[in-house]
Amino acid sequence: MRFARPAGLAAALLMSTGLPVLAALPASAAGCSDVDVVVARGTGEPGTLGVIVGDPVFAAVKKALPGASVSSYAVRYPASLQPDSASRGNQDLVDHVTHQAEACGDQRFVLVGYSQGANVVANSVGISSEGALVGAPIVATIPADVAPRVAALLTFGPPIAKLGKHITGEYEDRTKEFCAVGDPVCRPNGTNVLAHLSYTRNAGEAAAFAAGRVTAGQ
């Protein structure tokens, strides 16, 4: 991760607790690649998929799957403090994966969520983020017939973890959760704001897990 402007990155976390957010960048639907990496960025996080998690994780997944075609999709949602922000992301993620699954019969999916984006991912697989920081009720879930094509879920700094909740059920074995020591967003006693901005360092580990799940299902 490029820490050229640490203060700006710290602001990304502070936005989740009350400051204005940055506008979302446009995203386009994926073609029929072998693997589609679907990313829900954090609150106010800049970057095509998110500079802290999405962009570096996508690059690492492509490197970890050299023999596969890998596309990306940035979930379209406010990533803001609006009460329905995570729900809107939840709906868009499910709509995208459902559409892609119908259009591309062999495509697999890797779901990535950072901070509020982790709430979006959790909601989309039936684990409600309501009551968590920047959480919201579930409005849609990935259809049962599509679920087996979700190869891996990668969550970073998930707010539901602060409540003692995690992705469980049929997706549990396919999920890799990262919650840094001291992260105040996912740790009950966390006080280190910078810990919430540290997840770029986990991109390689996350990608290796995702690649392993993809190849295991081939």
C-alpha atoms as a PDB file:
ATOM      1  CA  MET A   1       0.000   0.000   0.000  1.00  0.00           C
ATOM      2  CA  ARG A   2       1.216   3.499  -0.820  1.00  0.00           C
ATOM      3  CA  PHE A   3       1.208   5.604   2.329  1.00  0.00           C
ATOM      4  CA  ALA A   4       2.050   8.825   0.503  1.00  0.00           C
ATOM      5  CA  ARG A   5      -0.713  10.617   2.398  1.00  0.00           C
ATOM      6  CA  PRO A   6      -1.251   8.895   5.770  1.00  0.00           C
ATOM      7  CA  ALA A   7      -3.539  11.660   6.973  1.00  0.00           C
ATOM      8  CA  GLY A   8      -5.818  11.068   4.005  1.00  0.00           C
ATOM      9  CA  LEU A   9      -5.989   7.364   4.740  1.00  0.00           C
ATOM     10  CA  ALA A  10      -6.740   8.018   8.383  1.00  0.00           C
ATOM     11  CA  ALA A  11      -9.592  10.202   7.190  1.00  0.00           C
ATOM     12  CA  ALA A  12     -11.065   7.185   5.411  1.00  0.00           C
ATOM     13  CA  LEU A  13     -11.592   5.548   8.798  1.00  0.00           C
ATOM     14  CA  LEU A  14     -12.804   8.723  10.447  1.00  0.00           C
ATOM     15  CA  MET A  15     -15.413   9.096   7.704  1.00  0.00           C
ATOM     16  CA  SER A  16     -17.046   5.954   9.026  1.00  0.00           C
ATOM     17  CA  THR A  17     -17.684   7.745  12.277  1.00  0.00           C
ATOM     18  CA  GLY A  18     -19.061  11.029  11.002  1.00  0.00           C
ATOM     19  CA  LEU A  19     -17.069  12.893   8.362  1.00  0.00           C
ATOM     20  CA  PRO A  20     -18.178  13.391   4.724  1.00  0.00           C
ATOM     21  CA  VAL A  21     -17.406  10.604   2.280  1.00  0.00           C
ATOM     22  CA  LEU A  22     -15.814  10.576  -1.153  1.00  0.00           C
ATOM     23  CA  ALA A  23     -17.892   9.956  -4.246  1.00  0.00           C
ATOM     24  CA  ALA A  24     -17.920   6.419  -5.625  1.00  0.00           C
ATOM     25  CA  LEU A  25     -16.164   5.735  -8.905  1.00  0.00           C
ATOM     26  CA  PRO A  26     -18.130   4.104 -11.740  1.00  0.00           C
ATOM     27  CA  ALA A  27     -17.759   0.373 -12.258  1.00  0.00           C
ATOM     28  CA  SER A  28     -18.574  -1.891 -15.164  1.00  0.00           C
ATOM     29  CA  ALA A  29     -19.916  -5.417 -15.229  1.00  0.00           C
ATOM     30  CA  ALA A  30     -17.465  -8.232 -15.820  1.00  0.00           C
ATOM     31  CA  GLY A  31     -17.359 -10.345 -18.958  1.00  0.00           C
ATOM     32  CA  CYS A  32     -17.266 -14.123 -18.792  1.00  0.00           C
ATOM     33  CA  SER A  33     -13.925 -14.491 -17.074  1.00  0.00           C
ATOM     34  CA  ASP A  34     -12.963 -17.613 -15.151  1.00  0.00           C
ATOM     35  CA  VAL A  35     -13.050 -15.731 -11.839  1.00  0.00           C
ATOM     36  CA  ASP A  36     -14.837 -12.486 -10.994  1.00  0.00           C
ATOM     37  CA  VAL A  37     -13.518 -10.620  -7.951  1.00  0.00           C
ATOM     38  CA  VAL A  38     -16.429  -8.628  -6.521  1.00  0.00           C
ATOM     39  CA  VAL A  39     -15.296  -5.877  -4.158  1.00  0.00           C
ATOM     40  CA  ALA A  40     -17.246  -3.695  -1.728  1.00  0.00           C
ATOM     41  CA  ARG A  41     -14.965  -0.868  -0.606  1.00  0.00           C
ATOM     42  CA  GLY A  42     -14.856   0.772   2.798  1.00  0.00           C
ATOM     43  CA  THR A  43     -16.623   3.959   3.841  1.00  0.00           C
ATOM     44  CA  GLY A  44     -15.385   6.831   1.701  1.00  0.00           C
ATOM     45  CA  GLU A  45     -12.487   4.748   0.398  1.00  0.00           C
ATOM     46  CA  PRO A  46     -11.006   6.037  -2.875  1.00  0.00           C
ATOM     47  CA  GLY A  47      -9.578   3.904  -5.659  1.00  0.00           C
ATOM     48  CA  THR A  48     -11.078   1.816  -8.434  1.00  0.00           C
ATOM     49  CA  LEU A  49     -11.849  -1.049  -6.055  1.00  0.00           C
ATOM     50  CA  GLY A  50     -10.440   0.654  -2.940  1.00  0.00           C
ATOM     51  CA  VAL A  51      -6.833   1.655  -2.345  1.00  0.00           C
ATOM     52  CA  ILE A  52      -6.489  -0.076   1.019  1.00  0.00           C
ATOM     53  CA  VAL A  53      -7.937  -3.488   0.189  1.00  0.00           C
ATOM     54  CA  GLY A  54      -9.681  -3.915  -3.164  1.00  0.00           C
ATOM     55  CA  ASP A  55      -7.004  -2.798  -5.593  1.00  0.00           C
ATOM     56  CA  PRO A  56      -4.100  -4.666  -3.943  1.00  0.00           C
ATOM     57  CA  VAL A  57      -6.169  -7.806  -3.331  1.00  0.00           C
ATOM     58  CA  PHE A  58      -7.378  -7.916  -6.935  1.00  0.00           C
ATOM     59  CA  ALA A  59      -3.807  -7.550  -8.192  1.00  0.00           C
ATOM     60  CA  ALA A  60      -2.681 -10.316  -5.842  1.00  0.00           C
ATOM     61  CA  VAL A  61      -5.495 -12.665  -6.906  1.00  0.00           C
ATOM     62  CA  LYS A  62      -4.576 -12.215 -10.570  1.00  0.00           C
ATOM     63  CA  LYS A  63      -0.970 -13.045  -9.725  1.00  0.00           C
ATOM     64  CA  ALA A  64      -2.029 -16.086  -7.699  1.00  0.00           C
ATOM     65  CA  LEU A  65      -4.114 -17.460 -10.602  1.00  0.00           C
ATOM     66  CA  PRO A  66      -1.758 -17.092 -13.580  1.00  0.00           C
ATOM     67  CA  GLY A  67      -3.587 -19.605 -15.713  1.00  0.00           C
ATOM     68  CA  ALA A  68      -7.024 -18.064 -15.269  1.00  0.00           C
ATOM     69  CA  SER A  69      -8.769 -14.989 -16.598  1.00  0.00           C
ATOM     70  CA  VAL A  70      -9.708 -12.756 -13.661  1.00  0.00           C
ATOM     71  CA  SER A  71     -12.085  -9.799 -13.799  1.00  0.00           C
ATOM     72  CA  SER A  72     -13.255  -7.361 -11.143  1.00  0.00           C
ATOM     73  CA  TYR A  73     -16.432  -5.563 -10.194  1.00  0.00           C
ATOM     74  CA  ALA A  74     -16.723  -2.626  -7.811  1.00  0.00           C
ATOM     75  CA  VAL A  75     -20.008  -2.853  -5.927  1.00  0.00           C
ATOM     76  CA  ARG A  76     -22.116   0.213  -6.669  1.00  0.00           C
ATOM     77  CA  TYR A  77     -23.221   1.721  -3.391  1.00  0.00           C
ATOM     78  CA  PRO A  78     -22.758   4.965  -1.429  1.00  0.00           C
ATOM     79  CA  ALA A  79     -20.194   3.560   1.035  1.00  0.00           C
ATOM     80  CA  SER A  80     -21.402   6.386   3.243  1.00  0.00           C
ATOM     81  CA  LEU A  81     -23.061   6.984   6.588  1.00  0.00           C
ATOM     82  CA  GLN A  82     -26.525   6.781   5.065  1.00  0.00           C
ATOM     83  CA  PRO A  83     -28.612   4.291   7.088  1.00  0.00           C
ATOM     84  CA  ASP A  84     -29.327   2.201   3.991  1.00  0.00           C
ATOM     85  CA  SER A  85     -25.817   2.342   2.514  1.00  0.00           C
ATOM     86  CA  ALA A  86     -24.818  -1.244   3.327  1.00  0.00           C
ATOM     87  CA  SER A  87     -28.244  -2.515   2.234  1.00  0.00           C
ATOM     88  CA  ARG A  88     -27.855  -0.816  -1.130  1.00  0.00           C
ATOM     89  CA  GLY A  89     -24.469  -2.455  -1.528  1.00  0.00           C
ATOM     90  CA  ASN A  90     -25.982  -5.768  -0.486  1.00  0.00           C
ATOM     91  CA  GLN A  91     -28.597  -5.503  -3.228  1.00  0.00           C
ATOM     92  CA  ASP A  92     -26.097  -4.511  -5.907  1.00  0.00           C
ATOM     93  CA  LEU A  93     -23.675  -7.307  -5.013  1.00  0.00           C
ATOM     94  CA  VAL A  94     -26.413  -9.940  -5.162  1.00  0.00           C
ATOM     95  CA  ASP A  95     -27.800  -8.510  -8.408  1.00  0.00           C
ATOM     96  CA  HIS A  96     -24.351  -8.533 -10.004  1.00  0.00           C
ATOM     97  CA  VAL A  97     -23.435 -12.067  -8.956  1.00  0.00           C
ATOM     98  CA  THR A  98     -26.860 -13.378  -9.978  1.00  0.00           C
ATOM     99  CA  HIS A  99     -26.640 -11.715 -13.394  1.00  0.00           C
ATOM    100  CA  GLN A 100     -23.094 -12.935 -13.976  1.00  0.00           C
ATOM    101  CA  ALA A 101     -24.002 -16.467 -12.937  1.00  0.00           C
ATOM    102  CA  GLU A 102     -26.846 -16.504 -15.462  1.00  0.00           C
ATOM    103  CA  ALA A 103     -24.719 -15.035 -18.251  1.00  0.00           C
ATOM    104  CA  CYS A 104     -21.524 -17.010 -17.613  1.00  0.00           C
ATOM    105  CA  GLY A 105     -22.145 -20.641 -16.792  1.00  0.00           C
ATOM    106  CA  ASP A 106     -18.647 -21.477 -15.558  1.00  0.00           C
ATOM    107  CA  GLN A 107     -17.694 -18.263 -13.792  1.00  0.00           C
ATOM    108  CA  ARG A 108     -16.605 -18.441 -10.136  1.00  0.00           C
ATOM    109  CA  PHE A 109     -16.704 -15.585  -7.654  1.00  0.00           C
ATOM    110  CA  VAL A 110     -14.460 -14.173  -4.960  1.00  0.00           C
ATOM    111  CA  LEU A 111     -16.248 -11.705  -2.684  1.00  0.00           C
ATOM    112  CA  VAL A 112     -14.129  -9.051  -0.989  1.00  0.00           C
ATOM    113  CA  GLY A 113     -15.320  -6.562   1.616  1.00  0.00           C
ATOM    114  CA  TYR A 114     -13.441  -3.977   3.635  1.00  0.00           C
ATOM    115  CA  SER A 115     -14.963  -2.263   6.677  1.00  0.00           C
ATOM    116  CA  GLN A 116     -18.490  -1.259   5.615  1.00  0.00           C
ATOM    117  CA  GLY A 117     -17.886  -3.400   2.549  1.00  0.00           C
ATOM    118  CA  ALA A 118     -17.492  -6.401   4.859  1.00  0.00           C
ATOM    119  CA  ASN A 119     -21.024  -5.658   6.080  1.00  0.00           C
ATOM    120  CA  VAL A 120     -22.172  -5.738   2.453  1.00  0.00           C
ATOM    121  CA  VAL A 121     -20.577  -9.153   1.938  1.00  0.00           C
ATOM    122  CA  ALA A 122     -21.987 -10.519   5.201  1.00  0.00           C
ATOM    123  CA  ASN A 123     -25.503  -9.369   4.359  1.00  0.00           C
ATOM    124  CA  SER A 124     -25.243 -10.918   0.911  1.00  0.00           C
ATOM    125  CA  VAL A 125     -24.617 -14.370   2.375  1.00  0.00           C
ATOM    126  CA  GLY A 126     -27.303 -14.093   5.028  1.00  0.00           C
ATOM    127  CA  ILE A 127     -25.370 -12.749   8.034  1.00  0.00           C
ATOM    128  CA  SER A 128     -27.024  -9.495   9.067  1.00  0.00           C
ATOM    129  CA  SER A 129     -24.849  -6.476   9.812  1.00  0.00           C
ATOM    130  CA  GLU A 130     -27.727  -4.599  11.408  1.00  0.00           C
ATOM    131  CA  GLY A 131     -26.587  -3.101  14.705  1.00  0.00           C
ATOM    132  CA  ALA A 132     -22.911  -3.002  13.718  1.00  0.00           C
ATOM    133  CA  LEU A 133     -21.026   0.155  12.770  1.00  0.00           C
ATOM    134  CA  VAL A 134     -22.319   1.282   9.336  1.00  0.00           C
ATOM    135  CA  GLY A 135     -24.451  -1.846   9.245  1.00  0.00           C
ATOM    136  CA  ALA A 136     -27.921  -2.318   7.779  1.00  0.00           C
ATOM    137  CA  PRO A 137     -30.595  -4.979   7.368  1.00  0.00           C
ATOM    138  CA  ILE A 138     -30.344  -7.763   4.796  1.00  0.00           C
ATOM    139  CA  VAL A 139     -32.312  -6.996   1.630  1.00  0.00           C
ATOM    140  CA  ALA A 140     -31.082  -9.817  -0.643  1.00  0.00           C
ATOM    141  CA  THR A 141     -29.012 -12.992  -0.491  1.00  0.00           C
ATOM    142  CA  ILE A 142     -27.114 -14.927  -3.138  1.00  0.00           C
ATOM    143  CA  PRO A 143     -29.462 -17.572  -4.577  1.00  0.00           C
ATOM    144  CA  ALA A 144     -28.939 -21.117  -3.343  1.00  0.00           C
ATOM    145  CA  ASP A 145     -28.152 -22.411  -6.823  1.00  0.00           C
ATOM    146  CA  VAL A 146     -25.421 -19.780  -7.250  1.00  0.00           C
ATOM    147  CA  ALA A 147     -23.863 -20.217  -3.794  1.00  0.00           C
ATOM    148  CA  PRO A 148     -21.580 -23.150  -4.789  1.00  0.00           C
ATOM    149  CA  ARG A 149     -19.909 -20.906  -7.358  1.00  0.00           C
ATOM    150  CA  VAL A 150     -18.773 -18.470  -4.671  1.00  0.00           C
ATOM    151  CA  ALA A 151     -15.265 -19.820  -4.199  1.00  0.00           C
ATOM    152  CA  ALA A 152     -14.051 -17.515  -1.434  1.00  0.00           C
ATOM    153  CA  LEU A 153     -15.045 -14.620   0.777  1.00  0.00           C
ATOM    154  CA  LEU A 154     -12.404 -12.214   2.086  1.00  0.00           C
ATOM    155  CA  THR A 155     -13.366  -9.718   4.772  1.00  0.00           C
ATOM    156  CA  PHE A 156     -11.120  -7.061   6.296  1.00  0.00           C
ATOM    157  CA  GLY A 157     -11.875  -5.103   9.456  1.00  0.00           C
ATOM    158  CA  PRO A 158     -15.467  -6.427   9.566  1.00  0.00           C
ATOM    159  CA  PRO A 159     -17.647  -4.362  11.932  1.00  0.00           C
ATOM    160  CA  ILE A 160     -19.800  -7.387  12.821  1.00  0.00           C
ATOM    161  CA  ALA A 161     -16.761  -8.985  14.480  1.00  0.00           C
ATOM    162  CA  LYS A 162     -16.902  -6.293  17.154  1.00  0.00           C
ATOM    163  CA  LEU A 163     -20.304  -7.750  18.064  1.00  0.00           C
ATOM    164  CA  GLY A 164     -18.887 -11.269  18.161  1.00  0.00           C
ATOM    165  CA  LYS A 165     -20.484 -12.176  14.816  1.00  0.00           C
ATOM    166  CA  HIS A 166     -18.752 -13.812  11.872  1.00  0.00           C
ATOM    167  CA  ILE A 167     -19.707 -15.401   8.572  1.00  0.00           C
ATOM    168  CA  THR A 168     -20.912 -18.888   9.478  1.00  0.00           C
ATOM    169  CA  GLY A 169     -22.996 -21.624   7.909  1.00  0.00           C
ATOM    170  CA  GLU A 170     -22.320 -22.922   4.403  1.00  0.00           C
ATOM    171  CA  TYR A 171     -19.840 -20.120   3.663  1.00  0.00           C
ATOM    172  CA  GLU A 172     -17.740 -20.471   6.811  1.00  0.00           C
ATOM    173  CA  ASP A 173     -15.047 -22.712   5.326  1.00  0.00           C
ATOM    174  CA  ARG A 174     -14.790 -20.445   2.300  1.00  0.00           C
ATOM    175  CA  THR A 175     -14.258 -17.305   4.387  1.00  0.00           C
ATOM    176  CA  LYS A 176     -10.998 -15.679   5.440  1.00  0.00           C
ATOM    177  CA  GLU A 177     -11.456 -12.862   7.955  1.00  0.00           C
ATOM    178  CA  PHE A 178      -8.786 -10.322   8.788  1.00  0.00           C
ATOM    179  CA  CYS A 179      -9.143  -8.249  11.963  1.00  0.00           C
ATOM    180  CA  ALA A 180      -5.909  -6.535  12.966  1.00  0.00           C
ATOM    181  CA  VAL A 181      -4.872  -6.279  16.596  1.00  0.00           C
ATOM    182  CA  GLY A 182      -6.068  -2.937  17.922  1.00  0.00           C
ATOM    183  CA  ASP A 183      -8.519  -2.277  15.072  1.00  0.00           C
ATOM    184  CA  PRO A 184     -11.357  -0.289  16.698  1.00  0.00           C
ATOM    185  CA  VAL A 185     -13.815  -1.261  13.954  1.00  0.00           C
ATOM    186  CA  CYS A 186     -13.637  -5.029  14.497  1.00  0.00           C
ATOM    187  CA  ARG A 187     -12.097  -5.412  17.984  1.00  0.00           C
ATOM    188  CA  PRO A 188     -14.208  -4.686  21.098  1.00  0.00           C
ATOM    189  CA  ASN A 189     -11.281  -2.999  22.828  1.00  0.00           C
ATOM    190  CA  GLY A 190      -9.485  -1.698  19.747  1.00  0.00           C
ATOM    191  CA  THR A 191      -8.051   1.820  19.935  1.00  0.00           C
ATOM    192  CA  ASN A 192      -5.507   1.950  17.105  1.00  0.00           C
ATOM    193  CA  VAL A 193      -7.001   3.779  14.119  1.00  0.00           C
ATOM    194  CA  LEU A 194      -3.987   2.937  11.970  1.00  0.00           C
ATOM    195  CA  ALA A 195      -4.653  -0.775  12.485  1.00  0.00           C
ATOM    196  CA  HIS A 196      -7.823  -0.374  10.433  1.00  0.00           C
ATOM    197  CA  LEU A 197      -5.742   1.018   7.598  1.00  0.00           C
ATOM    198  CA  SER A 198      -3.158  -1.771   7.631  1.00  0.00           C
ATOM    199  CA  TYR A 199      -4.844  -4.448   5.541  1.00  0.00           C
ATOM    200  CA  THR A 200      -2.897  -3.965   2.326  1.00  0.00           C
ATOM    201  CA  ARG A 201      -0.203  -6.086   3.984  1.00  0.00           C
ATOM    202  CA  ASN A 202      -2.652  -9.017   4.002  1.00  0.00           C
ATOM    203  CA  ALA A 203      -3.330  -8.919   0.255  1.00  0.00           C
ATOM    204  CA  GLY A 204      -0.967 -11.790  -0.569  1.00  0.00           C
ATOM    205  CA  GLU A 205      -2.288 -14.062   2.171  1.00  0.00           C
ATOM    206  CA  ALA A 206      -5.869 -13.301   1.184  1.00  0.00           C
ATOM    207  CA  ALA A 207      -5.159 -13.988  -2.482  1.00  0.00           C
ATOM    208  CA  ALA A 208      -3.443 -17.286  -1.683  1.00  0.00           C
ATOM    209  CA  PHE A 209      -6.499 -18.397   0.276  1.00  0.00           C
ATOM    210  CA  ALA A 210      -8.832 -17.386  -2.549  1.00  0.00           C
ATOM    211  CA  ALA A 211      -6.693 -19.076  -5.192  1.00  0.00           C
ATOM    212  CA  GLY A 212      -6.612 -22.249  -3.127  1.00  0.00           C
ATOM    213  CA  ARG A 213     -10.385 -22.290  -2.881  1.00  0.00           C
ATOM    214  CA  VAL A 214     -10.760 -21.624  -6.604  1.00  0.00           C
ATOM    215  CA  THR A 215      -8.425 -24.440  -7.623  1.00  0.00           C
ATOM    216  CA  ALA A 216      -9.891 -26.822  -5.053  1.00  0.00           C
ATOM    217  CA  GLY A 217     -13.270 -26.436  -6.704  1.00  0.00           C
ATOM    218  CA  GLN A 218     -12.092 -27.093 -10.239  1.00  0.00           C
END
